[in-house]
Amino acid sequence: MPAKAEELAAVADRVEALDVSDAASVAALAKRLDGEAIDILVNNAGVFDRSDVSIDKVDFAQMEQTLAVNTLGPLRVIQALLPNLRQGQRKLIVNMSSQLGSIGGSTGTWYAYRTSKAALNQVTKTLSVELAKEGFVCVGVHPGWVRTDMGGSAATYSPEESVSGLVGLIEKLGPADNGHFYDFQGKVIPW
């Protein structure tokens, strides 16, 4: 079982270890899941470097790692699990993004994180167009500023509040939602 997954294991039927930035790890997961239908894929891996606050402090090695996890990772997982998703009934892909990736709502700073999430938003929108003809629904969601290791103790929402909203949103998603970007309360966020 993956480290720090005890609570997840208590509520999940199955927990799989996965490094989304490692092609071999993703391929191994796809092999383990070969032939199993997946109805809903929620890409929730992410990293955030708090030191990346201005152009003077951009660390390009860290930026590459952030892009590898936050953007390329979800795309790699989707590609690897697409056969499973095609077998699923709902054919729903949910990419965990952030309002910090909204180009229309940008306030500057945090180059790596914002860029990675803006790029993930483009991946989501592109997938929504390409896969619509197969009945897929692809959306981006912002979980809110959540009190987690990434969000910190000053964040606005508890994990329970965020997850409750996300579950309610995901349960309601249908074809009319394809290609949209929502917050965890179901409000549309500009791309």
N, C-alpha and C. Protein backbone atom coordinates (compact mmCIF):
# COMPACT_ATOMS: atom_id res chain seq x y z
N MET A 1 0.85 -1.18 0.00
CA MET A 1 0.00 0.00 0.00
C MET A 1 0.90 1.24 0.00
N PRO A 2 0.50 2.28 -0.76
CA PRO A 2 1.30 3.51 -0.78
C PRO A 2 1.41 4.14 0.61
N ALA A 3 2.54 4.79 0.85
CA ALA A 3 2.72 5.50 2.12
C ALA A 3 1.64 6.55 2.28
N LYS A 4 1.23 6.80 3.51
CA LYS A 4 0.21 7.79 3.86
C LYS A 4 -1.18 7.45 3.30
N ALA A 5 -1.43 6.20 2.97
CA ALA A 5 -2.71 5.86 2.36
C ALA A 5 -3.64 5.08 3.29
N GLU A 6 -3.34 5.07 4.57
CA GLU A 6 -4.16 4.29 5.50
C GLU A 6 -5.62 4.74 5.50
N GLU A 7 -5.84 6.06 5.56
CA GLU A 7 -7.21 6.57 5.57
C GLU A 7 -7.93 6.24 4.27
N LEU A 8 -7.22 6.36 3.16
CA LEU A 8 -7.81 6.03 1.86
C LEU A 8 -8.16 4.56 1.80
N ALA A 9 -7.27 3.73 2.27
CA ALA A 9 -7.52 2.29 2.25
C ALA A 9 -8.74 1.91 3.07
N ALA A 10 -9.06 2.70 4.08
CA ALA A 10 -10.21 2.41 4.93
C ALA A 10 -11.53 2.62 4.19
N VAL A 11 -11.53 3.44 3.14
CA VAL A 11 -12.78 3.72 2.42
C VAL A 11 -12.75 3.25 0.97
N ALA A 12 -11.61 2.75 0.51
CA ALA A 12 -11.48 2.34 -0.89
C ALA A 12 -11.46 0.82 -1.00
N ASP A 13 -11.99 0.33 -2.10
CA ASP A 13 -11.92 -1.10 -2.36
C ASP A 13 -10.50 -1.52 -2.71
N ARG A 14 -9.77 -0.58 -3.32
CA ARG A 14 -8.44 -0.91 -3.83
C ARG A 14 -7.59 0.36 -3.87
N VAL A 15 -6.34 0.27 -3.44
CA VAL A 15 -5.41 1.39 -3.49
C VAL A 15 -4.20 0.96 -4.31
N GLU A 16 -3.84 1.74 -5.30
CA GLU A 16 -2.69 1.45 -6.16
C GLU A 16 -1.65 2.54 -6.01
N ALA A 17 -0.39 2.15 -5.90
CA ALA A 17 0.71 3.12 -5.90
C ALA A 17 0.96 3.58 -7.33
N LEU A 18 1.24 4.88 -7.49
CA LEU A 18 1.47 5.41 -8.83
C LEU A 18 2.28 6.69 -8.74
N ASP A 19 3.34 6.77 -9.55
CA ASP A 19 4.08 8.01 -9.74
C ASP A 19 3.73 8.48 -11.14
N VAL A 20 2.87 9.49 -11.24
CA VAL A 20 2.38 9.94 -12.55
C VAL A 20 3.48 10.53 -13.42
N SER A 21 4.60 10.91 -12.82
CA SER A 21 5.71 11.48 -13.60
C SER A 21 6.65 10.40 -14.13
N ASP A 22 6.39 9.15 -13.80
CA ASP A 22 7.23 8.04 -14.22
C ASP A 22 6.48 7.16 -15.22
N ALA A 23 6.92 7.17 -16.47
CA ALA A 23 6.24 6.42 -17.53
C ALA A 23 6.15 4.93 -17.19
N ALA A 24 7.18 4.37 -16.59
CA ALA A 24 7.17 2.95 -16.24
C ALA A 24 6.12 2.65 -15.17
N SER A 25 5.97 3.55 -14.20
CA SER A 25 4.97 3.37 -13.15
C SER A 25 3.55 3.40 -13.74
N VAL A 26 3.32 4.33 -14.65
CA VAL A 26 2.00 4.43 -15.30
C VAL A 26 1.74 3.20 -16.16
N ALA A 27 2.74 2.77 -16.91
CA ALA A 27 2.58 1.57 -17.75
C ALA A 27 2.30 0.34 -16.89
N ALA A 28 2.95 0.24 -15.75
CA ALA A 28 2.72 -0.90 -14.85
C ALA A 28 1.29 -0.89 -14.31
N LEU A 29 0.78 0.31 -13.98
CA LEU A 29 -0.61 0.40 -13.53
C LEU A 29 -1.55 -0.03 -14.65
N ALA A 30 -1.31 0.46 -15.86
CA ALA A 30 -2.16 0.09 -16.99
C ALA A 30 -2.15 -1.42 -17.20
N LYS A 31 -1.01 -2.04 -17.02
CA LYS A 31 -0.92 -3.50 -17.17
C LYS A 31 -1.72 -4.20 -16.08
N ARG A 32 -1.62 -3.70 -14.83
CA ARG A 32 -2.38 -4.31 -13.73
C ARG A 32 -3.89 -4.17 -13.94
N LEU A 33 -4.29 -3.10 -14.61
CA LEU A 33 -5.72 -2.84 -14.83
C LEU A 33 -6.22 -3.31 -16.19
N ASP A 34 -5.38 -3.99 -16.93
CA ASP A 34 -5.74 -4.43 -18.28
C ASP A 34 -7.07 -5.19 -18.28
N GLY A 35 -7.97 -4.74 -19.13
CA GLY A 35 -9.26 -5.39 -19.27
C GLY A 35 -10.32 -4.95 -18.27
N GLU A 36 -9.96 -4.12 -17.30
CA GLU A 36 -10.93 -3.64 -16.31
C GLU A 36 -11.54 -2.32 -16.76
N ALA A 37 -12.84 -2.25 -16.78
CA ALA A 37 -13.52 -1.00 -17.16
C ALA A 37 -13.35 0.04 -16.06
N ILE A 38 -13.15 1.29 -16.48
CA ILE A 38 -13.10 2.42 -15.55
C ILE A 38 -14.19 3.40 -15.97
N ASP A 39 -15.11 3.69 -15.07
CA ASP A 39 -16.20 4.63 -15.36
C ASP A 39 -15.76 6.08 -15.17
N ILE A 40 -15.01 6.34 -14.10
CA ILE A 40 -14.61 7.71 -13.76
C ILE A 40 -13.12 7.70 -13.41
N LEU A 41 -12.38 8.58 -14.05
CA LEU A 41 -10.97 8.78 -13.72
C LEU A 41 -10.83 10.18 -13.14
N VAL A 42 -10.34 10.28 -11.92
CA VAL A 42 -10.05 11.56 -11.29
C VAL A 42 -8.54 11.68 -11.17
N ASN A 43 -7.95 12.57 -11.95
CA ASN A 43 -6.52 12.83 -11.88
C ASN A 43 -6.28 13.85 -10.77
N ASN A 44 -5.71 13.39 -9.66
CA ASN A 44 -5.58 14.23 -8.48
C ASN A 44 -4.15 14.43 -8.00
N ALA A 45 -3.16 13.96 -8.75
CA ALA A 45 -1.77 14.16 -8.33
C ALA A 45 -1.39 15.62 -8.55
N GLY A 46 -0.56 16.15 -7.67
CA GLY A 46 -0.13 17.53 -7.85
C GLY A 46 0.98 17.92 -6.90
N VAL A 47 1.79 18.88 -7.35
CA VAL A 47 2.84 19.47 -6.52
C VAL A 47 2.77 20.98 -6.64
N PHE A 48 3.24 21.66 -5.59
CA PHE A 48 3.19 23.13 -5.55
C PHE A 48 4.42 23.63 -4.81
N ASP A 49 5.25 24.43 -5.48
CA ASP A 49 6.47 24.98 -4.88
C ASP A 49 6.18 26.40 -4.43
N ARG A 50 6.10 26.61 -3.14
CA ARG A 50 5.76 27.93 -2.59
C ARG A 50 6.85 28.97 -2.78
N SER A 51 8.08 28.56 -3.08
CA SER A 51 9.16 29.53 -3.24
C SER A 51 9.12 30.23 -4.59
N ASP A 52 8.34 29.71 -5.51
CA ASP A 52 8.29 30.21 -6.88
C ASP A 52 7.32 31.40 -6.98
N VAL A 53 7.67 32.51 -6.33
CA VAL A 53 6.72 33.62 -6.24
C VAL A 53 6.98 34.75 -7.21
N SER A 54 8.15 34.82 -7.83
CA SER A 54 8.42 35.91 -8.76
C SER A 54 9.32 35.43 -9.88
N ILE A 55 9.39 36.20 -10.95
CA ILE A 55 10.23 35.84 -12.09
C ILE A 55 11.68 35.68 -11.66
N ASP A 56 12.12 36.44 -10.68
CA ASP A 56 13.50 36.35 -10.20
C ASP A 56 13.81 35.03 -9.51
N LYS A 57 12.78 34.33 -9.07
CA LYS A 57 12.99 33.11 -8.29
C LYS A 57 12.54 31.84 -9.00
N VAL A 58 12.25 31.92 -10.29
CA VAL A 58 11.84 30.72 -11.02
C VAL A 58 13.01 29.73 -11.05
N ASP A 59 12.76 28.54 -10.56
CA ASP A 59 13.74 27.45 -10.59
C ASP A 59 13.28 26.51 -11.70
N PHE A 60 14.02 26.49 -12.80
CA PHE A 60 13.56 25.76 -13.98
C PHE A 60 13.54 24.25 -13.78
N ALA A 61 14.44 23.73 -12.98
CA ALA A 61 14.39 22.29 -12.67
C ALA A 61 13.10 21.97 -11.91
N GLN A 62 12.75 22.82 -10.95
CA GLN A 62 11.50 22.63 -10.20
C GLN A 62 10.30 22.81 -11.12
N MET A 63 10.39 23.76 -12.04
CA MET A 63 9.29 23.99 -12.98
C MET A 63 9.07 22.76 -13.86
N GLU A 64 10.16 22.16 -14.33
CA GLU A 64 10.04 20.95 -15.14
C GLU A 64 9.39 19.82 -14.35
N GLN A 65 9.75 19.68 -13.08
CA GLN A 65 9.14 18.65 -12.24
C GLN A 65 7.66 18.94 -12.02
N THR A 66 7.32 20.20 -11.81
CA THR A 66 5.92 20.57 -11.62
C THR A 66 5.11 20.26 -12.87
N LEU A 67 5.63 20.58 -14.03
CA LEU A 67 4.95 20.26 -15.28
C LEU A 67 4.83 18.74 -15.47
N ALA A 68 5.88 18.01 -15.09
CA ALA A 68 5.86 16.55 -15.23
C ALA A 68 4.75 15.93 -14.39
N VAL A 69 4.55 16.45 -13.19
CA VAL A 69 3.52 15.89 -12.30
C VAL A 69 2.14 16.46 -12.62
N ASN A 70 2.02 17.78 -12.72
CA ASN A 70 0.71 18.43 -12.80
C ASN A 70 0.09 18.42 -14.19
N THR A 71 0.91 18.33 -15.24
CA THR A 71 0.38 18.41 -16.60
C THR A 71 0.60 17.12 -17.37
N LEU A 72 1.85 16.74 -17.51
CA LEU A 72 2.16 15.55 -18.29
C LEU A 72 1.69 14.28 -17.60
N GLY A 73 1.73 14.26 -16.28
CA GLY A 73 1.27 13.08 -15.53
C GLY A 73 -0.17 12.72 -15.81
N PRO A 74 -1.10 13.66 -15.65
CA PRO A 74 -2.49 13.34 -15.96
C PRO A 74 -2.70 12.91 -17.42
N LEU A 75 -2.01 13.57 -18.34
CA LEU A 75 -2.14 13.20 -19.75
C LEU A 75 -1.61 11.78 -19.97
N ARG A 76 -0.49 11.45 -19.35
CA ARG A 76 0.08 10.11 -19.46
C ARG A 76 -0.88 9.06 -18.90
N VAL A 77 -1.49 9.35 -17.76
CA VAL A 77 -2.44 8.41 -17.15
C VAL A 77 -3.66 8.23 -18.04
N ILE A 78 -4.18 9.33 -18.56
CA ILE A 78 -5.35 9.23 -19.45
C ILE A 78 -5.02 8.38 -20.67
N GLN A 79 -3.89 8.65 -21.29
CA GLN A 79 -3.49 7.88 -22.47
C GLN A 79 -3.38 6.39 -22.14
N ALA A 80 -2.73 6.08 -21.02
CA ALA A 80 -2.52 4.68 -20.64
C ALA A 80 -3.81 3.96 -20.28
N LEU A 81 -4.75 4.69 -19.68
CA LEU A 81 -6.00 4.07 -19.22
C LEU A 81 -7.17 4.29 -20.18
N LEU A 82 -6.91 4.89 -21.32
CA LEU A 82 -7.99 5.15 -22.27
C LEU A 82 -8.73 3.87 -22.69
N PRO A 83 -8.04 2.75 -22.92
CA PRO A 83 -8.79 1.53 -23.23
C PRO A 83 -9.76 1.14 -22.12
N ASN A 84 -9.35 1.32 -20.87
CA ASN A 84 -10.22 1.00 -19.73
C ASN A 84 -11.41 1.96 -19.67
N LEU A 85 -11.13 3.23 -19.91
CA LEU A 85 -12.19 4.24 -19.90
C LEU A 85 -13.18 4.01 -21.03
N ARG A 86 -12.69 3.58 -22.17
CA ARG A 86 -13.59 3.29 -23.30
C ARG A 86 -14.54 2.14 -22.97
N GLN A 87 -14.14 1.25 -22.08
CA GLN A 87 -15.01 0.15 -21.65
C GLN A 87 -16.01 0.59 -20.58
N GLY A 88 -15.76 1.73 -19.97
CA GLY A 88 -16.60 2.20 -18.87
C GLY A 88 -17.95 2.71 -19.35
N GLN A 89 -18.88 2.82 -18.42
CA GLN A 89 -20.21 3.32 -18.74
C GLN A 89 -20.26 4.84 -18.76
N ARG A 90 -19.68 5.50 -17.76
CA ARG A 90 -19.78 6.97 -17.69
C ARG A 90 -18.78 7.67 -18.58
N LYS A 91 -17.62 7.10 -18.77
CA LYS A 91 -16.58 7.71 -19.61
C LYS A 91 -16.29 9.15 -19.15
N LEU A 92 -16.03 9.29 -17.87
CA LEU A 92 -15.84 10.60 -17.26
C LEU A 92 -14.38 10.79 -16.84
N ILE A 93 -13.77 11.87 -17.31
CA ILE A 93 -12.41 12.24 -16.94
C ILE A 93 -12.47 13.57 -16.20
N VAL A 94 -12.01 13.56 -14.95
CA VAL A 94 -12.00 14.75 -14.11
C VAL A 94 -10.54 15.07 -13.79
N ASN A 95 -10.08 16.22 -14.26
CA ASN A 95 -8.72 16.66 -13.98
C ASN A 95 -8.74 17.70 -12.87
N MET A 96 -8.05 17.39 -11.77
CA MET A 96 -7.97 18.31 -10.65
C MET A 96 -7.02 19.44 -11.03
N SER A 97 -7.59 20.60 -11.23
CA SER A 97 -6.82 21.77 -11.63
C SER A 97 -6.79 22.75 -10.46
N SER A 98 -6.80 24.02 -10.77
CA SER A 98 -6.80 25.06 -9.75
C SER A 98 -7.24 26.36 -10.39
N GLN A 99 -7.90 27.20 -9.61
CA GLN A 99 -8.24 28.52 -10.13
C GLN A 99 -6.97 29.30 -10.45
N LEU A 100 -5.83 28.91 -9.87
CA LEU A 100 -4.56 29.57 -10.18
C LEU A 100 -4.13 29.28 -11.61
N GLY A 101 -4.73 28.29 -12.26
CA GLY A 101 -4.46 28.00 -13.66
C GLY A 101 -5.37 28.74 -14.62
N SER A 102 -6.29 29.53 -14.10
CA SER A 102 -7.20 30.31 -14.95
C SER A 102 -6.44 31.51 -15.51
N ILE A 103 -6.30 31.55 -16.82
CA ILE A 103 -5.61 32.68 -17.44
C ILE A 103 -6.41 33.96 -17.22
N GLY A 104 -7.73 33.85 -17.30
CA GLY A 104 -8.59 35.02 -17.10
C GLY A 104 -8.56 35.56 -15.69
N GLY A 105 -8.18 34.71 -14.72
CA GLY A 105 -8.18 35.14 -13.33
C GLY A 105 -6.79 35.28 -12.74
N SER A 106 -5.76 35.33 -13.59
CA SER A 106 -4.39 35.35 -13.07
C SER A 106 -4.06 36.65 -12.35
N THR A 107 -3.41 36.50 -11.22
CA THR A 107 -2.94 37.66 -10.45
C THR A 107 -1.42 37.66 -10.33
N GLY A 108 -0.75 36.80 -11.08
CA GLY A 108 0.70 36.75 -11.08
C GLY A 108 1.26 35.83 -10.02
N THR A 109 2.57 35.66 -10.03
CA THR A 109 3.37 34.82 -9.14
C THR A 109 3.13 33.32 -9.37
N TRP A 110 3.92 32.51 -8.69
CA TRP A 110 3.85 31.05 -8.75
C TRP A 110 3.84 30.53 -10.19
N TYR A 111 4.87 30.86 -10.92
CA TYR A 111 4.96 30.53 -12.34
C TYR A 111 4.80 29.05 -12.63
N ALA A 112 5.50 28.20 -11.93
CA ALA A 112 5.46 26.77 -12.23
C ALA A 112 4.06 26.21 -12.03
N TYR A 113 3.47 26.48 -10.89
CA TYR A 113 2.15 25.92 -10.58
C TYR A 113 1.09 26.47 -11.52
N ARG A 114 1.05 27.79 -11.70
CA ARG A 114 0.05 28.39 -12.59
C ARG A 114 0.19 27.86 -14.01
N THR A 115 1.43 27.80 -14.50
CA THR A 115 1.67 27.32 -15.86
C THR A 115 1.23 25.87 -16.00
N SER A 116 1.57 25.05 -15.02
CA SER A 116 1.21 23.63 -15.09
C SER A 116 -0.29 23.43 -15.09
N LYS A 117 -1.01 24.20 -14.30
CA LYS A 117 -2.46 24.04 -14.24
C LYS A 117 -3.15 24.67 -15.45
N ALA A 118 -2.61 25.77 -15.98
CA ALA A 118 -3.15 26.33 -17.22
C ALA A 118 -2.97 25.34 -18.36
N ALA A 119 -1.82 24.68 -18.40
CA ALA A 119 -1.58 23.67 -19.43
C ALA A 119 -2.50 22.47 -19.23
N LEU A 120 -2.74 22.07 -17.99
CA LEU A 120 -3.68 20.97 -17.73
C LEU A 120 -5.08 21.36 -18.18
N ASN A 121 -5.44 22.62 -17.99
CA ASN A 121 -6.75 23.08 -18.47
C ASN A 121 -6.85 22.94 -19.98
N GLN A 122 -5.77 23.25 -20.69
CA GLN A 122 -5.78 23.10 -22.15
C GLN A 122 -5.87 21.62 -22.53
N VAL A 123 -5.16 20.77 -21.82
CA VAL A 123 -5.27 19.33 -22.05
C VAL A 123 -6.73 18.89 -21.89
N THR A 124 -7.35 19.35 -20.82
CA THR A 124 -8.74 18.98 -20.54
C THR A 124 -9.66 19.45 -21.65
N LYS A 125 -9.52 20.68 -22.07
CA LYS A 125 -10.37 21.23 -23.12
C LYS A 125 -10.15 20.48 -24.44
N THR A 126 -8.90 20.19 -24.77
CA THR A 126 -8.59 19.47 -26.00
C THR A 126 -9.18 18.06 -25.96
N LEU A 127 -9.03 17.37 -24.84
CA LEU A 127 -9.63 16.04 -24.69
C LEU A 127 -11.14 16.09 -24.84
N SER A 128 -11.75 17.14 -24.29
CA SER A 128 -13.21 17.25 -24.34
C SER A 128 -13.71 17.32 -25.78
N VAL A 129 -12.92 17.93 -26.64
CA VAL A 129 -13.29 18.02 -28.06
C VAL A 129 -13.01 16.69 -28.75
N GLU A 130 -11.82 16.16 -28.55
CA GLU A 130 -11.42 14.94 -29.25
C GLU A 130 -12.26 13.73 -28.86
N LEU A 131 -12.59 13.59 -27.58
CA LEU A 131 -13.26 12.39 -27.11
C LEU A 131 -14.78 12.51 -27.03
N ALA A 132 -15.33 13.69 -27.33
CA ALA A 132 -16.79 13.88 -27.24
C ALA A 132 -17.53 12.91 -28.14
N LYS A 133 -16.99 12.66 -29.32
CA LYS A 133 -17.67 11.78 -30.28
C LYS A 133 -17.79 10.34 -29.76
N GLU A 134 -16.97 10.00 -28.75
CA GLU A 134 -17.05 8.67 -28.14
C GLU A 134 -17.91 8.68 -26.88
N GLY A 135 -18.52 9.82 -26.57
CA GLY A 135 -19.38 9.91 -25.40
C GLY A 135 -18.68 10.26 -24.11
N PHE A 136 -17.44 10.71 -24.20
CA PHE A 136 -16.70 11.10 -23.00
C PHE A 136 -17.15 12.47 -22.50
N VAL A 137 -17.03 12.67 -21.20
CA VAL A 137 -17.19 13.97 -20.56
C VAL A 137 -15.87 14.25 -19.85
N CYS A 138 -15.22 15.35 -20.25
CA CYS A 138 -13.92 15.73 -19.68
C CYS A 138 -14.06 17.12 -19.07
N VAL A 139 -13.75 17.23 -17.79
CA VAL A 139 -13.86 18.51 -17.10
C VAL A 139 -12.63 18.77 -16.24
N GLY A 140 -12.40 20.04 -15.96
CA GLY A 140 -11.42 20.45 -14.97
C GLY A 140 -12.16 20.91 -13.74
N VAL A 141 -11.60 20.63 -12.57
CA VAL A 141 -12.22 21.08 -11.32
C VAL A 141 -11.18 21.71 -10.40
N HIS A 142 -11.62 22.71 -9.69
CA HIS A 142 -10.81 23.38 -8.67
C HIS A 142 -11.36 22.95 -7.31
N PRO A 143 -10.54 22.30 -6.48
CA PRO A 143 -11.05 21.78 -5.22
C PRO A 143 -11.25 22.81 -4.13
N GLY A 144 -10.89 24.06 -4.40
CA GLY A 144 -10.88 25.08 -3.36
C GLY A 144 -9.50 25.11 -2.71
N TRP A 145 -9.30 26.09 -1.85
CA TRP A 145 -8.04 26.17 -1.10
C TRP A 145 -8.25 25.31 0.14
N VAL A 146 -7.64 24.14 0.14
CA VAL A 146 -7.95 23.09 1.12
C VAL A 146 -6.79 22.89 2.10
N ARG A 147 -7.16 22.67 3.36
CA ARG A 147 -6.17 22.43 4.42
C ARG A 147 -5.57 21.02 4.27
N THR A 148 -4.56 20.95 3.44
CA THR A 148 -3.80 19.72 3.20
C THR A 148 -2.32 20.05 3.32
N ASP A 149 -1.47 19.06 3.07
CA ASP A 149 -0.03 19.34 3.04
C ASP A 149 0.27 20.42 2.01
N MET A 150 -0.41 20.38 0.88
CA MET A 150 -0.17 21.37 -0.17
C MET A 150 -0.81 22.72 0.16
N GLY A 151 -2.03 22.71 0.64
CA GLY A 151 -2.76 23.95 0.90
C GLY A 151 -2.34 24.68 2.15
N GLY A 152 -1.84 23.95 3.14
CA GLY A 152 -1.40 24.56 4.38
C GLY A 152 -2.53 24.73 5.38
N SER A 153 -2.17 25.06 6.60
CA SER A 153 -3.14 25.16 7.69
C SER A 153 -4.01 26.41 7.61
N ALA A 154 -3.60 27.42 6.86
CA ALA A 154 -4.39 28.65 6.74
C ALA A 154 -5.46 28.56 5.66
N ALA A 155 -5.53 27.46 4.94
CA ALA A 155 -6.48 27.32 3.84
C ALA A 155 -7.92 27.43 4.33
N THR A 156 -8.79 27.80 3.43
CA THR A 156 -10.19 28.09 3.74
C THR A 156 -11.03 26.86 4.06
N TYR A 157 -10.84 25.78 3.31
CA TYR A 157 -11.75 24.64 3.40
C TYR A 157 -11.09 23.40 3.99
N SER A 158 -11.88 22.63 4.71
CA SER A 158 -11.41 21.33 5.20
C SER A 158 -11.43 20.35 4.03
N PRO A 159 -10.66 19.28 4.12
CA PRO A 159 -10.73 18.26 3.07
C PRO A 159 -12.15 17.70 2.93
N GLU A 160 -12.85 17.55 4.05
CA GLU A 160 -14.21 17.01 4.00
C GLU A 160 -15.15 17.92 3.22
N GLU A 161 -15.03 19.24 3.40
CA GLU A 161 -15.88 20.17 2.65
C GLU A 161 -15.60 20.08 1.16
N SER A 162 -14.34 20.06 0.81
CA SER A 162 -13.96 19.98 -0.59
C SER A 162 -14.43 18.68 -1.22
N VAL A 163 -14.14 17.57 -0.56
CA VAL A 163 -14.50 16.27 -1.11
C VAL A 163 -16.01 16.12 -1.23
N SER A 164 -16.75 16.59 -0.25
CA SER A 164 -18.21 16.52 -0.31
C SER A 164 -18.73 17.27 -1.53
N GLY A 165 -18.20 18.47 -1.76
CA GLY A 165 -18.62 19.24 -2.93
C GLY A 165 -18.22 18.57 -4.22
N LEU A 166 -17.00 18.05 -4.27
CA LEU A 166 -16.52 17.39 -5.49
C LEU A 166 -17.33 16.14 -5.81
N VAL A 167 -17.63 15.34 -4.80
CA VAL A 167 -18.43 14.13 -5.04
C VAL A 167 -19.81 14.52 -5.57
N GLY A 168 -20.44 15.53 -4.96
CA GLY A 168 -21.74 15.99 -5.45
C GLY A 168 -21.67 16.47 -6.88
N LEU A 169 -20.63 17.21 -7.20
CA LEU A 169 -20.45 17.71 -8.57
C LEU A 169 -20.23 16.56 -9.54
N ILE A 170 -19.33 15.65 -9.21
CA ILE A 170 -19.01 14.54 -10.11
C ILE A 170 -20.22 13.66 -10.35
N GLU A 171 -21.03 13.44 -9.33
CA GLU A 171 -22.24 12.62 -9.50
C GLU A 171 -23.20 13.22 -10.51
N LYS A 172 -23.22 14.56 -10.63
CA LYS A 172 -24.17 15.24 -11.51
C LYS A 172 -23.65 15.48 -12.92
N LEU A 173 -22.34 15.31 -13.15
CA LEU A 173 -21.77 15.67 -14.45
C LEU A 173 -22.36 14.82 -15.57
N GLY A 174 -22.66 15.50 -16.68
CA GLY A 174 -23.20 14.83 -17.85
C GLY A 174 -22.68 15.48 -19.12
N PRO A 175 -23.19 15.08 -20.27
CA PRO A 175 -22.70 15.58 -21.55
C PRO A 175 -22.68 17.11 -21.67
N ALA A 176 -23.62 17.80 -21.08
CA ALA A 176 -23.66 19.27 -21.17
C ALA A 176 -22.49 19.92 -20.43
N ASP A 177 -21.83 19.17 -19.57
CA ASP A 177 -20.70 19.71 -18.80
C ASP A 177 -19.35 19.51 -19.50
N ASN A 178 -19.34 18.74 -20.56
CA ASN A 178 -18.09 18.43 -21.25
C ASN A 178 -17.36 19.71 -21.64
N GLY A 179 -16.07 19.76 -21.30
CA GLY A 179 -15.24 20.91 -21.68
C GLY A 179 -15.33 22.09 -20.74
N HIS A 180 -15.92 21.92 -19.56
CA HIS A 180 -16.06 23.03 -18.62
C HIS A 180 -15.04 22.92 -17.48
N PHE A 181 -14.91 24.02 -16.77
CA PHE A 181 -14.00 24.14 -15.62
C PHE A 181 -14.84 24.64 -14.46
N TYR A 182 -14.93 23.85 -13.38
CA TYR A 182 -15.79 24.16 -12.24
C TYR A 182 -14.98 24.23 -10.95
N ASP A 183 -15.52 24.98 -9.98
CA ASP A 183 -14.99 24.85 -8.64
C ASP A 183 -15.74 23.72 -7.95
N PHE A 184 -15.33 23.37 -6.75
CA PHE A 184 -15.91 22.22 -6.06
C PHE A 184 -17.37 22.42 -5.68
N GLN A 185 -17.86 23.66 -5.78
CA GLN A 185 -19.26 23.95 -5.49
C GLN A 185 -20.11 23.99 -6.76
N GLY A 186 -19.49 23.70 -7.90
CA GLY A 186 -20.21 23.65 -9.17
C GLY A 186 -20.27 24.96 -9.92
N LYS A 187 -19.56 25.98 -9.47
CA LYS A 187 -19.54 27.27 -10.18
C LYS A 187 -18.52 27.21 -11.31
N VAL A 188 -18.90 27.77 -12.46
CA VAL A 188 -18.00 27.79 -13.61
C VAL A 188 -16.86 28.76 -13.35
N ILE A 189 -15.65 28.33 -13.70
CA ILE A 189 -14.45 29.17 -13.60
C ILE A 189 -13.99 29.45 -15.03
N PRO A 190 -13.60 30.69 -15.35
CA PRO A 190 -13.10 30.95 -16.71
C PRO A 190 -11.78 30.22 -16.94
N TRP A 191 -11.63 29.69 -18.15
CA TRP A 191 -10.38 29.00 -18.48
C TRP A 191 -9.23 29.98 -18.38
